[in-house]
């Protein structure tokens, strides 16, 4: 989800709807709300810690269950302010890489010797091919559209090693969402991420919106 590609895709949406480019909307949102920008803005500033702890309780057991035990590098794709990145490193007992196109989010992320944060630019995930053992994506793909989404999926497949784990959390509320955030079904994500065979593991609700957890592994061949 490089900045140049994302700006181009969002300009097409914005031209039709009279909206600012999507990347600019995220930069404005980050300046206005800080770490809360990555949550449903229906939550108050005082609820940021509470919501994050709720998500950890819902998601971490499922992530641990999906691990095989040989994972040493985990990618937090669209990590935002790094709410989960260091925990992911601890759960695999290895290294974590957090990537995001918004520098102000990365500036808020907690630092650790075994955690690296990188800005995504030029339409590429700044990681070598087939070097990542697990990819964590929590409420990110819903904010990516069109050609940018296709390019992002290509990059996910590129960096994930054969047999590697994809842990996907996305908003699957019925109704389609908005040009800013798409609500896609589990079936749509299965098609989108093929040939990874996603299994629908769990749902939880956030301010009446359905959030679905899906896991799958990249084929060995």
N, C-alpha and C. Protein backbone atom coordinates (compact mmCIF):
# COMPACT_ATOMS: atom_id res chain seq x y z
N UNK A 1 0.84 -1.17 0.00
CA UNK A 1 0.00 0.00 0.00
C UNK A 1 0.88 1.22 0.00
N UNK A 2 1.78 1.34 -1.02
CA UNK A 2 2.70 2.45 -1.11
C UNK A 2 2.00 3.77 -1.27
N UNK A 3 2.69 4.83 -0.83
CA UNK A 3 2.05 6.15 -0.79
C UNK A 3 1.68 6.64 -2.18
N UNK A 4 2.57 6.46 -3.15
CA UNK A 4 2.29 6.97 -4.49
C UNK A 4 1.07 6.27 -5.10
N UNK A 5 1.04 4.94 -4.99
CA UNK A 5 -0.08 4.17 -5.55
C UNK A 5 -1.37 4.50 -4.81
N UNK A 6 -1.28 4.61 -3.47
CA UNK A 6 -2.47 4.88 -2.69
C UNK A 6 -3.03 6.26 -3.00
N UNK A 7 -2.14 7.25 -3.20
CA UNK A 7 -2.62 8.59 -3.56
C UNK A 7 -3.37 8.55 -4.89
N UNK A 8 -2.83 7.83 -5.88
CA UNK A 8 -3.46 7.76 -7.19
C UNK A 8 -4.84 7.14 -7.10
N UNK A 9 -4.94 5.99 -6.40
CA UNK A 9 -6.21 5.30 -6.30
C UNK A 9 -7.23 6.15 -5.56
N UNK A 10 -6.81 6.79 -4.49
CA UNK A 10 -7.76 7.56 -3.70
C UNK A 10 -8.19 8.84 -4.41
N UNK A 11 -7.31 9.38 -5.30
CA UNK A 11 -7.72 10.56 -6.07
C UNK A 11 -8.89 10.24 -6.98
N UNK A 12 -8.89 9.02 -7.55
CA UNK A 12 -10.00 8.62 -8.42
C UNK A 12 -11.31 8.58 -7.64
N UNK A 13 -11.24 8.04 -6.42
CA UNK A 13 -12.43 8.01 -5.57
C UNK A 13 -12.83 9.43 -5.18
N UNK A 14 -11.83 10.20 -4.76
CA UNK A 14 -12.11 11.55 -4.29
C UNK A 14 -12.68 12.46 -5.35
N UNK A 15 -12.22 12.28 -6.61
CA UNK A 15 -12.73 13.12 -7.70
C UNK A 15 -14.22 12.93 -7.88
N UNK A 16 -14.66 11.69 -7.78
CA UNK A 16 -16.08 11.39 -7.97
C UNK A 16 -16.91 11.84 -6.78
N UNK A 17 -16.33 11.84 -5.58
CA UNK A 17 -17.12 12.09 -4.38
C UNK A 17 -16.79 13.42 -3.71
N UNK A 18 -15.88 14.19 -4.31
CA UNK A 18 -15.53 15.46 -3.71
C UNK A 18 -14.78 15.31 -2.40
N UNK A 19 -14.01 14.23 -2.24
CA UNK A 19 -13.29 13.97 -1.01
C UNK A 19 -11.79 14.19 -1.22
N UNK A 20 -11.05 14.42 -0.10
CA UNK A 20 -9.60 14.50 -0.16
C UNK A 20 -9.04 13.12 -0.46
N UNK A 21 -7.83 13.05 -1.06
CA UNK A 21 -7.21 11.74 -1.30
C UNK A 21 -7.16 10.92 -0.02
N UNK A 22 -7.27 9.61 -0.17
CA UNK A 22 -7.38 8.73 0.98
C UNK A 22 -6.17 8.81 1.90
N UNK A 23 -4.95 8.85 1.32
CA UNK A 23 -3.77 8.94 2.17
C UNK A 23 -3.77 10.23 2.96
N UNK A 24 -4.26 11.31 2.34
CA UNK A 24 -4.34 12.59 3.05
C UNK A 24 -5.37 12.52 4.17
N UNK A 25 -6.47 11.79 3.92
CA UNK A 25 -7.47 11.62 4.98
C UNK A 25 -6.87 10.92 6.18
N UNK A 26 -6.03 9.87 5.93
CA UNK A 26 -5.40 9.16 7.03
C UNK A 26 -4.39 10.05 7.76
N UNK A 27 -3.63 10.84 7.01
CA UNK A 27 -2.68 11.74 7.65
C UNK A 27 -3.40 12.78 8.51
N UNK A 28 -4.51 13.32 7.99
CA UNK A 28 -5.30 14.28 8.76
C UNK A 28 -5.90 13.62 10.00
N UNK A 29 -6.38 12.41 9.81
CA UNK A 29 -6.99 11.66 10.92
C UNK A 29 -5.96 11.37 12.01
N UNK A 30 -4.74 11.01 11.59
CA UNK A 30 -3.68 10.74 12.56
C UNK A 30 -3.32 11.99 13.34
N UNK A 31 -3.24 13.12 12.65
CA UNK A 31 -2.92 14.38 13.34
C UNK A 31 -4.02 14.76 14.34
N UNK A 32 -5.25 14.51 13.96
CA UNK A 32 -6.37 14.93 14.80
C UNK A 32 -6.58 14.01 15.99
N UNK A 33 -6.47 12.69 15.76
CA UNK A 33 -6.85 11.73 16.80
C UNK A 33 -5.69 10.95 17.40
N UNK A 34 -4.50 11.03 16.81
CA UNK A 34 -3.38 10.26 17.33
C UNK A 34 -3.65 8.77 17.23
N UNK A 35 -3.31 8.01 18.28
CA UNK A 35 -3.48 6.56 18.26
C UNK A 35 -4.94 6.15 18.08
N UNK A 36 -5.88 6.99 18.50
CA UNK A 36 -7.30 6.64 18.37
C UNK A 36 -7.74 6.58 16.92
N UNK A 37 -6.95 7.16 16.01
CA UNK A 37 -7.32 7.20 14.59
C UNK A 37 -7.48 5.82 13.99
N UNK A 38 -6.82 4.80 14.55
CA UNK A 38 -6.91 3.45 13.98
C UNK A 38 -8.11 2.69 14.49
N UNK A 39 -8.86 3.27 15.42
CA UNK A 39 -10.07 2.65 15.93
C UNK A 39 -11.31 3.26 15.27
N UNK A 40 -12.45 2.64 15.49
CA UNK A 40 -13.72 3.26 15.16
C UNK A 40 -13.81 4.56 15.96
N UNK A 41 -13.96 5.70 15.29
CA UNK A 41 -13.94 6.98 15.97
C UNK A 41 -15.14 7.17 16.89
N UNK A 42 -16.09 6.24 16.83
CA UNK A 42 -17.17 6.26 17.82
C UNK A 42 -16.67 6.02 19.23
N UNK A 43 -15.45 5.48 19.35
CA UNK A 43 -14.85 5.30 20.67
C UNK A 43 -14.21 6.61 21.13
N UNK A 44 -14.29 6.86 22.41
CA UNK A 44 -13.69 8.07 22.97
C UNK A 44 -12.20 7.85 23.22
N UNK A 45 -11.49 8.94 23.48
CA UNK A 45 -10.07 8.86 23.81
C UNK A 45 -9.84 7.98 25.02
N UNK A 46 -10.76 8.04 25.97
CA UNK A 46 -10.62 7.26 27.20
C UNK A 46 -10.78 5.76 26.95
N UNK A 47 -11.35 5.38 25.81
CA UNK A 47 -11.61 3.98 25.53
C UNK A 47 -10.50 3.29 24.73
N UNK A 48 -9.46 4.02 24.33
CA UNK A 48 -8.43 3.44 23.48
C UNK A 48 -7.79 2.23 24.14
N UNK A 49 -7.38 2.35 25.38
CA UNK A 49 -6.74 1.24 26.08
C UNK A 49 -7.73 0.10 26.26
N UNK A 50 -8.96 0.42 26.62
CA UNK A 50 -9.99 -0.60 26.85
C UNK A 50 -10.26 -1.39 25.57
N UNK A 51 -10.39 -0.70 24.44
CA UNK A 51 -10.67 -1.38 23.17
C UNK A 51 -9.48 -2.25 22.76
N UNK A 52 -8.28 -1.74 22.94
CA UNK A 52 -7.09 -2.51 22.59
C UNK A 52 -7.00 -3.77 23.43
N UNK A 53 -7.28 -3.67 24.72
CA UNK A 53 -7.25 -4.84 25.58
C UNK A 53 -8.33 -5.85 25.19
N UNK A 54 -9.50 -5.35 24.80
CA UNK A 54 -10.57 -6.23 24.33
C UNK A 54 -10.12 -6.99 23.08
N UNK A 55 -9.50 -6.28 22.14
CA UNK A 55 -9.03 -6.93 20.92
C UNK A 55 -7.97 -7.98 21.23
N UNK A 56 -7.08 -7.66 22.13
CA UNK A 56 -6.05 -8.65 22.53
C UNK A 56 -6.69 -9.92 23.08
N UNK A 57 -7.70 -9.76 23.92
CA UNK A 57 -8.37 -10.93 24.50
C UNK A 57 -9.06 -11.75 23.41
N UNK A 58 -9.63 -11.09 22.43
CA UNK A 58 -10.33 -11.78 21.36
C UNK A 58 -9.38 -12.45 20.37
N UNK A 59 -8.26 -11.80 20.08
CA UNK A 59 -7.42 -12.21 18.96
C UNK A 59 -6.20 -13.04 19.35
N UNK A 60 -5.56 -12.72 20.44
CA UNK A 60 -4.30 -13.38 20.76
C UNK A 60 -4.43 -14.91 20.93
N UNK A 61 -5.47 -15.40 21.62
CA UNK A 61 -5.59 -16.87 21.70
C UNK A 61 -5.71 -17.53 20.34
N UNK A 62 -6.40 -16.89 19.41
CA UNK A 62 -6.56 -17.45 18.07
C UNK A 62 -5.24 -17.40 17.30
N UNK A 63 -4.48 -16.34 17.48
CA UNK A 63 -3.18 -16.25 16.82
C UNK A 63 -2.23 -17.32 17.36
N UNK A 64 -2.19 -17.47 18.67
CA UNK A 64 -1.32 -18.50 19.26
C UNK A 64 -1.72 -19.89 18.78
N UNK A 65 -3.02 -20.12 18.69
CA UNK A 65 -3.52 -21.42 18.24
C UNK A 65 -3.09 -21.72 16.81
N UNK A 66 -2.98 -20.68 15.99
CA UNK A 66 -2.65 -20.86 14.58
C UNK A 66 -1.16 -21.05 14.33
N UNK A 67 -0.33 -20.72 15.30
CA UNK A 67 1.12 -20.85 15.14
C UNK A 67 1.53 -22.32 15.16
N UNK A 68 2.59 -22.62 14.43
CA UNK A 68 3.14 -23.98 14.42
C UNK A 68 4.32 -24.13 15.38
N UNK A 69 4.89 -23.01 15.78
CA UNK A 69 6.02 -23.05 16.70
C UNK A 69 7.36 -22.81 16.05
N UNK A 70 7.41 -22.80 14.71
CA UNK A 70 8.68 -22.58 14.02
C UNK A 70 8.77 -21.17 13.43
N UNK A 71 7.79 -20.31 13.74
CA UNK A 71 7.79 -18.95 13.21
C UNK A 71 8.83 -18.10 13.96
N UNK A 72 9.63 -17.35 13.21
CA UNK A 72 10.66 -16.51 13.80
C UNK A 72 10.57 -15.06 13.37
N UNK A 73 9.84 -14.79 12.29
CA UNK A 73 9.63 -13.42 11.83
C UNK A 73 8.15 -13.21 11.56
N UNK A 74 7.57 -12.20 12.20
CA UNK A 74 6.17 -11.87 11.99
C UNK A 74 6.07 -10.45 11.45
N UNK A 75 5.22 -10.26 10.46
CA UNK A 75 4.98 -8.95 9.86
C UNK A 75 3.64 -8.42 10.34
N UNK A 76 3.65 -7.24 10.95
CA UNK A 76 2.43 -6.53 11.33
C UNK A 76 2.13 -5.54 10.21
N UNK A 77 1.26 -5.96 9.28
CA UNK A 77 0.98 -5.17 8.09
C UNK A 77 -0.07 -4.11 8.40
N UNK A 78 0.29 -2.82 8.18
CA UNK A 78 -0.60 -1.74 8.56
C UNK A 78 -0.62 -1.60 10.07
N UNK A 79 0.56 -1.57 10.66
CA UNK A 79 0.68 -1.66 12.13
C UNK A 79 0.17 -0.43 12.85
N UNK A 80 0.01 0.71 12.15
CA UNK A 80 -0.42 1.93 12.83
C UNK A 80 0.57 2.30 13.92
N UNK A 81 0.08 2.64 15.13
CA UNK A 81 0.98 3.01 16.22
C UNK A 81 1.55 1.82 16.98
N UNK A 82 1.53 0.65 16.37
CA UNK A 82 2.19 -0.51 16.96
C UNK A 82 1.51 -1.06 18.19
N UNK A 83 0.17 -1.07 18.19
CA UNK A 83 -0.55 -1.55 19.38
C UNK A 83 -0.29 -3.03 19.64
N UNK A 84 -0.02 -3.80 18.57
CA UNK A 84 0.14 -5.25 18.72
C UNK A 84 1.55 -5.75 18.40
N UNK A 85 2.37 -4.92 17.77
CA UNK A 85 3.61 -5.40 17.16
C UNK A 85 4.54 -6.09 18.14
N UNK A 86 4.82 -5.45 19.27
CA UNK A 86 5.74 -6.04 20.25
C UNK A 86 5.18 -7.33 20.83
N UNK A 87 3.86 -7.38 21.02
CA UNK A 87 3.24 -8.61 21.54
C UNK A 87 3.39 -9.76 20.55
N UNK A 88 3.28 -9.46 19.26
CA UNK A 88 3.44 -10.49 18.25
C UNK A 88 4.85 -11.08 18.30
N UNK A 89 5.84 -10.21 18.46
CA UNK A 89 7.22 -10.67 18.61
C UNK A 89 7.36 -11.62 19.79
N UNK A 90 6.74 -11.24 20.89
CA UNK A 90 6.84 -12.08 22.10
C UNK A 90 6.17 -13.43 21.88
N UNK A 91 5.04 -13.43 21.18
CA UNK A 91 4.31 -14.68 20.99
C UNK A 91 5.05 -15.67 20.10
N UNK A 92 5.83 -15.18 19.15
CA UNK A 92 6.59 -16.10 18.31
C UNK A 92 8.01 -16.31 18.83
N UNK A 93 8.39 -15.52 19.83
CA UNK A 93 9.75 -15.57 20.39
C UNK A 93 10.79 -15.33 19.30
N UNK A 94 10.50 -14.31 18.50
CA UNK A 94 11.40 -13.98 17.41
C UNK A 94 11.43 -12.48 17.17
N UNK A 95 11.40 -12.08 15.89
CA UNK A 95 11.42 -10.67 15.51
C UNK A 95 10.08 -10.27 14.91
N UNK A 96 9.76 -9.00 15.06
CA UNK A 96 8.55 -8.44 14.46
C UNK A 96 8.93 -7.25 13.59
N UNK A 97 8.22 -7.12 12.48
CA UNK A 97 8.39 -5.99 11.57
C UNK A 97 7.02 -5.32 11.43
N UNK A 98 6.96 -4.04 11.76
CA UNK A 98 5.73 -3.28 11.58
C UNK A 98 5.87 -2.34 10.40
N UNK A 99 4.89 -2.34 9.49
CA UNK A 99 4.94 -1.46 8.33
C UNK A 99 3.63 -0.68 8.22
N UNK A 100 3.75 0.58 7.82
CA UNK A 100 2.58 1.44 7.68
C UNK A 100 2.94 2.61 6.77
N UNK A 101 1.99 3.15 6.00
CA UNK A 101 2.28 4.29 5.12
C UNK A 101 2.20 5.64 5.82
N UNK A 102 1.83 5.68 7.11
CA UNK A 102 1.67 6.95 7.82
C UNK A 102 2.79 7.08 8.85
N UNK A 103 3.73 7.99 8.60
CA UNK A 103 4.89 8.13 9.47
C UNK A 103 4.51 8.54 10.88
N UNK A 104 3.50 9.38 11.03
CA UNK A 104 3.12 9.83 12.37
C UNK A 104 2.62 8.68 13.23
N UNK A 105 2.01 7.65 12.62
CA UNK A 105 1.65 6.44 13.37
C UNK A 105 2.92 5.73 13.85
N UNK A 106 3.86 5.54 12.93
CA UNK A 106 5.09 4.84 13.30
C UNK A 106 5.85 5.57 14.39
N UNK A 107 5.77 6.89 14.40
CA UNK A 107 6.45 7.67 15.43
C UNK A 107 5.88 7.40 16.83
N UNK A 108 4.62 6.95 16.89
CA UNK A 108 3.98 6.66 18.17
C UNK A 108 4.26 5.25 18.66
N UNK A 109 4.79 4.39 17.79
CA UNK A 109 4.93 2.96 18.12
C UNK A 109 6.00 2.73 19.18
N UNK A 110 5.72 1.82 20.13
CA UNK A 110 6.71 1.50 21.17
C UNK A 110 7.91 0.78 20.58
N UNK A 111 9.10 1.13 21.06
CA UNK A 111 10.33 0.56 20.53
C UNK A 111 10.78 -0.65 21.33
N UNK A 112 11.45 -1.57 20.61
CA UNK A 112 12.01 -2.77 21.24
C UNK A 112 13.17 -3.24 20.35
N UNK A 113 14.24 -3.78 20.93
CA UNK A 113 15.39 -4.21 20.11
C UNK A 113 15.05 -5.25 19.05
N UNK A 114 13.99 -6.04 19.29
CA UNK A 114 13.62 -7.10 18.35
C UNK A 114 12.44 -6.71 17.47
N UNK A 115 12.14 -5.41 17.41
CA UNK A 115 11.04 -4.91 16.58
C UNK A 115 11.56 -3.81 15.66
N UNK A 116 11.27 -3.94 14.38
CA UNK A 116 11.64 -2.92 13.39
C UNK A 116 10.37 -2.32 12.79
N UNK A 117 10.38 -1.02 12.58
CA UNK A 117 9.27 -0.33 11.93
C UNK A 117 9.76 0.31 10.65
N UNK A 118 8.97 0.18 9.57
CA UNK A 118 9.35 0.73 8.28
C UNK A 118 8.15 1.42 7.64
N UNK A 119 8.43 2.53 6.98
CA UNK A 119 7.42 3.24 6.20
C UNK A 119 7.25 2.54 4.86
N UNK A 120 6.00 2.28 4.48
CA UNK A 120 5.72 1.67 3.18
C UNK A 120 5.67 2.75 2.11
N UNK A 121 6.50 2.61 1.09
CA UNK A 121 6.53 3.57 -0.01
C UNK A 121 6.69 2.81 -1.33
N UNK A 122 6.41 3.52 -2.43
CA UNK A 122 6.62 2.97 -3.77
C UNK A 122 5.85 1.68 -4.03
N UNK A 123 4.74 1.49 -3.35
CA UNK A 123 3.87 0.35 -3.64
C UNK A 123 4.42 -0.99 -3.21
N UNK A 124 5.41 -1.01 -2.32
CA UNK A 124 6.01 -2.28 -1.92
C UNK A 124 6.12 -2.39 -0.40
N UNK A 125 5.99 -3.62 0.09
CA UNK A 125 6.31 -3.89 1.49
C UNK A 125 7.83 -3.99 1.57
N UNK A 126 8.49 -3.20 2.43
CA UNK A 126 9.95 -3.17 2.47
C UNK A 126 10.56 -4.37 3.18
N UNK A 127 10.27 -5.55 2.65
CA UNK A 127 10.73 -6.82 3.21
C UNK A 127 11.12 -7.73 2.04
N UNK A 128 12.18 -8.51 2.20
CA UNK A 128 12.60 -9.42 1.13
C UNK A 128 11.55 -10.51 0.88
N UNK A 129 11.57 -11.03 -0.32
CA UNK A 129 10.60 -12.05 -0.73
C UNK A 129 10.76 -13.33 0.09
N UNK A 130 9.61 -13.91 0.47
CA UNK A 130 9.52 -15.21 1.14
C UNK A 130 10.39 -15.29 2.40
N UNK A 131 10.41 -14.20 3.16
CA UNK A 131 11.20 -14.18 4.39
C UNK A 131 10.34 -14.08 5.65
N UNK A 132 9.04 -13.91 5.49
CA UNK A 132 8.16 -13.72 6.64
C UNK A 132 7.43 -15.02 6.95
N UNK A 133 7.45 -15.42 8.22
CA UNK A 133 6.81 -16.66 8.64
C UNK A 133 5.33 -16.49 8.95
N UNK A 134 4.92 -15.30 9.35
CA UNK A 134 3.52 -15.03 9.69
C UNK A 134 3.22 -13.57 9.39
N UNK A 135 2.03 -13.31 8.86
CA UNK A 135 1.57 -11.94 8.62
C UNK A 135 0.30 -11.71 9.41
N UNK A 136 0.32 -10.66 10.21
CA UNK A 136 -0.84 -10.22 11.00
C UNK A 136 -1.42 -9.00 10.30
N UNK A 137 -2.70 -9.05 9.95
CA UNK A 137 -3.39 -7.91 9.32
C UNK A 137 -4.67 -7.68 10.11
N UNK A 138 -4.71 -6.60 10.84
CA UNK A 138 -5.87 -6.32 11.69
C UNK A 138 -6.55 -5.03 11.25
N UNK A 139 -7.68 -5.17 10.56
CA UNK A 139 -8.50 -4.05 10.14
C UNK A 139 -7.70 -3.06 9.29
N UNK A 140 -7.17 -3.58 8.20
CA UNK A 140 -6.36 -2.79 7.28
C UNK A 140 -6.89 -2.87 5.85
N UNK A 141 -7.15 -4.08 5.35
CA UNK A 141 -7.52 -4.23 3.95
C UNK A 141 -8.83 -3.55 3.61
N UNK A 142 -9.71 -3.38 4.58
CA UNK A 142 -10.96 -2.68 4.33
C UNK A 142 -10.76 -1.24 3.88
N UNK A 143 -9.59 -0.68 4.21
CA UNK A 143 -9.29 0.70 3.83
C UNK A 143 -8.51 0.81 2.53
N UNK A 144 -8.35 -0.30 1.81
CA UNK A 144 -7.61 -0.30 0.55
C UNK A 144 -8.55 -0.74 -0.57
N UNK A 145 -8.43 -0.10 -1.73
CA UNK A 145 -9.40 -0.32 -2.78
C UNK A 145 -8.73 -0.49 -4.15
N UNK A 146 -9.49 -1.06 -5.09
CA UNK A 146 -9.12 -1.09 -6.50
C UNK A 146 -7.76 -1.69 -6.78
N UNK A 147 -6.99 -1.02 -7.66
CA UNK A 147 -5.68 -1.53 -8.06
C UNK A 147 -4.72 -1.59 -6.88
N UNK A 148 -4.87 -0.66 -5.96
CA UNK A 148 -4.00 -0.65 -4.79
C UNK A 148 -4.21 -1.92 -3.97
N UNK A 149 -5.45 -2.37 -3.88
CA UNK A 149 -5.74 -3.59 -3.14
C UNK A 149 -5.10 -4.79 -3.83
N UNK A 150 -5.22 -4.85 -5.15
CA UNK A 150 -4.62 -5.96 -5.88
C UNK A 150 -3.11 -5.97 -5.71
N UNK A 151 -2.49 -4.79 -5.78
CA UNK A 151 -1.04 -4.69 -5.60
C UNK A 151 -0.64 -5.10 -4.19
N UNK A 152 -1.45 -4.74 -3.21
CA UNK A 152 -1.17 -5.10 -1.82
C UNK A 152 -1.21 -6.60 -1.64
N UNK A 153 -2.20 -7.26 -2.21
CA UNK A 153 -2.31 -8.71 -2.10
C UNK A 153 -1.11 -9.39 -2.75
N UNK A 154 -0.68 -8.86 -3.89
CA UNK A 154 0.51 -9.41 -4.55
C UNK A 154 1.72 -9.32 -3.63
N UNK A 155 1.86 -8.20 -2.94
CA UNK A 155 2.98 -8.02 -2.02
C UNK A 155 2.90 -8.96 -0.82
N UNK A 156 1.69 -9.18 -0.33
CA UNK A 156 1.51 -10.12 0.79
C UNK A 156 1.98 -11.51 0.38
N UNK A 157 1.58 -11.95 -0.80
CA UNK A 157 2.02 -13.26 -1.29
C UNK A 157 3.53 -13.29 -1.51
N UNK A 158 4.10 -12.17 -1.94
CA UNK A 158 5.53 -12.13 -2.23
C UNK A 158 6.37 -12.32 -0.96
N UNK A 159 6.02 -11.63 0.12
CA UNK A 159 6.89 -11.64 1.31
C UNK A 159 6.65 -12.86 2.20
N UNK A 160 5.48 -13.48 2.12
CA UNK A 160 5.16 -14.63 2.97
C UNK A 160 5.82 -15.89 2.40
N UNK A 161 6.52 -16.60 3.25
CA UNK A 161 7.19 -17.83 2.79
C UNK A 161 6.15 -18.93 2.53
N UNK A 162 6.48 -19.89 1.67
CA UNK A 162 5.59 -21.05 1.49
C UNK A 162 5.33 -21.73 2.84
N UNK A 163 4.08 -22.01 3.12
CA UNK A 163 3.69 -22.58 4.40
C UNK A 163 3.49 -21.56 5.49
N UNK A 164 3.74 -20.29 5.18
CA UNK A 164 3.61 -19.24 6.19
C UNK A 164 2.16 -18.94 6.52
N UNK A 165 1.95 -18.37 7.70
CA UNK A 165 0.62 -18.09 8.24
C UNK A 165 0.14 -16.69 7.88
N UNK A 166 -1.12 -16.60 7.43
CA UNK A 166 -1.81 -15.32 7.29
C UNK A 166 -2.90 -15.26 8.34
N UNK A 167 -2.85 -14.24 9.20
CA UNK A 167 -3.85 -14.02 10.24
C UNK A 167 -4.55 -12.72 9.90
N UNK A 168 -5.82 -12.83 9.49
CA UNK A 168 -6.55 -11.70 8.93
C UNK A 168 -7.78 -11.36 9.78
N UNK A 169 -7.90 -10.08 10.12
CA UNK A 169 -9.04 -9.58 10.89
C UNK A 169 -9.64 -8.42 10.11
N UNK A 170 -10.91 -8.56 9.69
CA UNK A 170 -11.51 -7.50 8.88
C UNK A 170 -12.99 -7.31 9.21
N UNK A 171 -13.50 -6.14 8.88
CA UNK A 171 -14.90 -5.80 9.09
C UNK A 171 -15.75 -6.47 8.00
N UNK A 172 -16.63 -7.36 8.41
CA UNK A 172 -17.48 -8.09 7.45
C UNK A 172 -18.96 -7.74 7.64
N UNK A 173 -19.22 -6.59 8.24
CA UNK A 173 -20.60 -6.13 8.41
C UNK A 173 -21.29 -6.03 7.05
N UNK A 174 -22.53 -6.46 6.99
CA UNK A 174 -23.28 -6.35 5.74
C UNK A 174 -23.59 -4.88 5.44
N UNK A 175 -23.61 -4.55 4.15
CA UNK A 175 -23.97 -3.19 3.77
C UNK A 175 -22.96 -2.49 2.90
N UNK A 176 -21.78 -3.07 2.71
CA UNK A 176 -20.83 -2.52 1.76
C UNK A 176 -19.89 -1.47 2.31
N UNK A 177 -20.26 -0.78 3.40
CA UNK A 177 -19.39 0.23 3.97
C UNK A 177 -19.45 1.53 3.20
N UNK A 178 -18.29 2.16 2.96
CA UNK A 178 -18.21 3.46 2.30
C UNK A 178 -16.97 3.50 1.42
N UNK A 179 -16.80 4.55 0.59
CA UNK A 179 -15.58 4.65 -0.20
C UNK A 179 -14.32 4.70 0.66
N UNK A 180 -14.45 5.17 1.89
CA UNK A 180 -13.30 5.22 2.79
C UNK A 180 -12.99 3.85 3.37
N UNK A 181 -14.03 3.09 3.74
CA UNK A 181 -13.82 1.78 4.35
C UNK A 181 -14.84 0.79 3.82
N UNK A 182 -14.34 -0.29 3.20
CA UNK A 182 -15.21 -1.30 2.61
C UNK A 182 -15.51 -2.41 3.60
N UNK A 183 -16.78 -2.80 3.67
CA UNK A 183 -17.18 -4.00 4.40
C UNK A 183 -17.26 -5.14 3.38
N UNK A 184 -16.33 -6.07 3.45
CA UNK A 184 -16.33 -7.21 2.53
C UNK A 184 -16.67 -8.48 3.30
N UNK A 185 -17.25 -9.44 2.63
CA UNK A 185 -17.63 -10.69 3.27
C UNK A 185 -16.42 -11.60 3.43
N UNK A 186 -16.57 -12.62 4.27
CA UNK A 186 -15.53 -13.63 4.40
C UNK A 186 -15.26 -14.28 3.03
N UNK A 187 -16.33 -14.56 2.29
CA UNK A 187 -16.17 -15.18 0.96
C UNK A 187 -15.35 -14.29 0.04
N UNK A 188 -15.56 -12.97 0.10
CA UNK A 188 -14.78 -12.06 -0.74
C UNK A 188 -13.31 -12.09 -0.36
N UNK A 189 -13.01 -12.15 0.95
CA UNK A 189 -11.62 -12.21 1.37
C UNK A 189 -10.98 -13.54 0.98
N UNK A 190 -11.76 -14.60 1.01
CA UNK A 190 -11.22 -15.90 0.56
C UNK A 190 -10.82 -15.83 -0.90
N UNK A 191 -11.65 -15.23 -1.72
CA UNK A 191 -11.34 -15.08 -3.14
C UNK A 191 -10.14 -14.16 -3.34
N UNK A 192 -10.15 -13.06 -2.61
CA UNK A 192 -9.09 -12.06 -2.74
C UNK A 192 -7.72 -12.62 -2.40
N UNK A 193 -7.63 -13.43 -1.35
CA UNK A 193 -6.33 -13.92 -0.86
C UNK A 193 -5.95 -15.28 -1.42
N UNK A 194 -6.77 -15.87 -2.28
CA UNK A 194 -6.45 -17.15 -2.90
C UNK A 194 -5.06 -17.06 -3.57
N UNK A 195 -4.25 -18.13 -3.49
CA UNK A 195 -4.56 -19.51 -3.12
C UNK A 195 -4.43 -19.84 -1.63
N UNK A 196 -4.20 -18.83 -0.79
CA UNK A 196 -4.28 -19.10 0.65
C UNK A 196 -5.71 -19.49 0.97
N UNK A 197 -5.90 -20.61 1.63
CA UNK A 197 -7.23 -21.11 1.97
C UNK A 197 -7.62 -20.62 3.36
N UNK A 198 -8.39 -19.54 3.41
CA UNK A 198 -8.75 -18.93 4.69
C UNK A 198 -9.88 -19.69 5.37
N UNK A 199 -9.72 -19.88 6.66
CA UNK A 199 -10.75 -20.50 7.50
C UNK A 199 -11.33 -19.42 8.41
N UNK A 200 -12.64 -19.32 8.44
CA UNK A 200 -13.33 -18.36 9.29
C UNK A 200 -13.36 -18.91 10.71
N UNK A 201 -12.60 -18.26 11.61
CA UNK A 201 -12.40 -18.80 12.95
C UNK A 201 -13.32 -18.20 14.01
N UNK A 202 -13.71 -16.92 13.86
CA UNK A 202 -14.37 -16.25 14.99
C UNK A 202 -14.93 -14.92 14.52
N UNK A 203 -15.98 -14.46 15.19
CA UNK A 203 -16.51 -13.10 15.02
C UNK A 203 -16.58 -12.41 16.38
N UNK A 204 -16.36 -11.11 16.38
CA UNK A 204 -16.69 -10.30 17.55
C UNK A 204 -17.32 -9.00 17.04
N UNK A 205 -17.88 -8.23 17.93
CA UNK A 205 -18.57 -7.02 17.51
C UNK A 205 -17.95 -5.78 18.18
N UNK A 206 -17.83 -4.74 17.38
CA UNK A 206 -17.30 -3.46 17.86
C UNK A 206 -18.28 -2.37 17.45
N UNK A 207 -18.95 -1.77 18.43
CA UNK A 207 -19.97 -0.75 18.16
C UNK A 207 -20.96 -1.24 17.10
N UNK A 208 -21.45 -2.46 17.29
CA UNK A 208 -22.47 -3.09 16.45
C UNK A 208 -21.96 -3.52 15.08
N UNK A 209 -20.68 -3.38 14.81
CA UNK A 209 -20.12 -3.85 13.54
C UNK A 209 -19.46 -5.21 13.76
N UNK A 210 -19.65 -6.11 12.78
CA UNK A 210 -19.11 -7.46 12.88
C UNK A 210 -17.67 -7.50 12.37
N UNK A 211 -16.79 -8.01 13.20
CA UNK A 211 -15.39 -8.17 12.85
C UNK A 211 -15.08 -9.66 12.79
N UNK A 212 -14.54 -10.12 11.68
CA UNK A 212 -14.29 -11.55 11.47
C UNK A 212 -12.80 -11.85 11.48
N UNK A 213 -12.46 -13.00 12.06
CA UNK A 213 -11.08 -13.48 12.13
C UNK A 213 -10.93 -14.66 11.19
N UNK A 214 -9.94 -14.60 10.31
CA UNK A 214 -9.69 -15.65 9.33
C UNK A 214 -8.20 -16.03 9.38
N UNK A 215 -7.92 -17.31 9.25
CA UNK A 215 -6.53 -17.75 9.21
C UNK A 215 -6.33 -18.73 8.07
N UNK A 216 -5.11 -18.76 7.55
CA UNK A 216 -4.77 -19.70 6.50
C UNK A 216 -3.28 -19.70 6.26
N UNK A 217 -2.81 -20.69 5.51
CA UNK A 217 -1.38 -20.80 5.22
C UNK A 217 -1.14 -20.80 3.71
N UNK A 218 -0.06 -20.18 3.33
CA UNK A 218 0.34 -20.14 1.92
C UNK A 218 0.72 -21.55 1.47
N UNK A 219 0.25 -21.98 0.33
CA UNK A 219 0.60 -23.33 -0.14
C UNK A 219 2.13 -23.50 -0.27
N UNK A 220 2.56 -24.73 -0.05
CA UNK A 220 4.01 -25.02 -0.12
C UNK A 220 4.53 -24.98 -1.55
N UNK A 221 3.63 -25.21 -2.50
CA UNK A 221 4.05 -25.17 -3.90
C UNK A 221 3.04 -24.35 -4.70
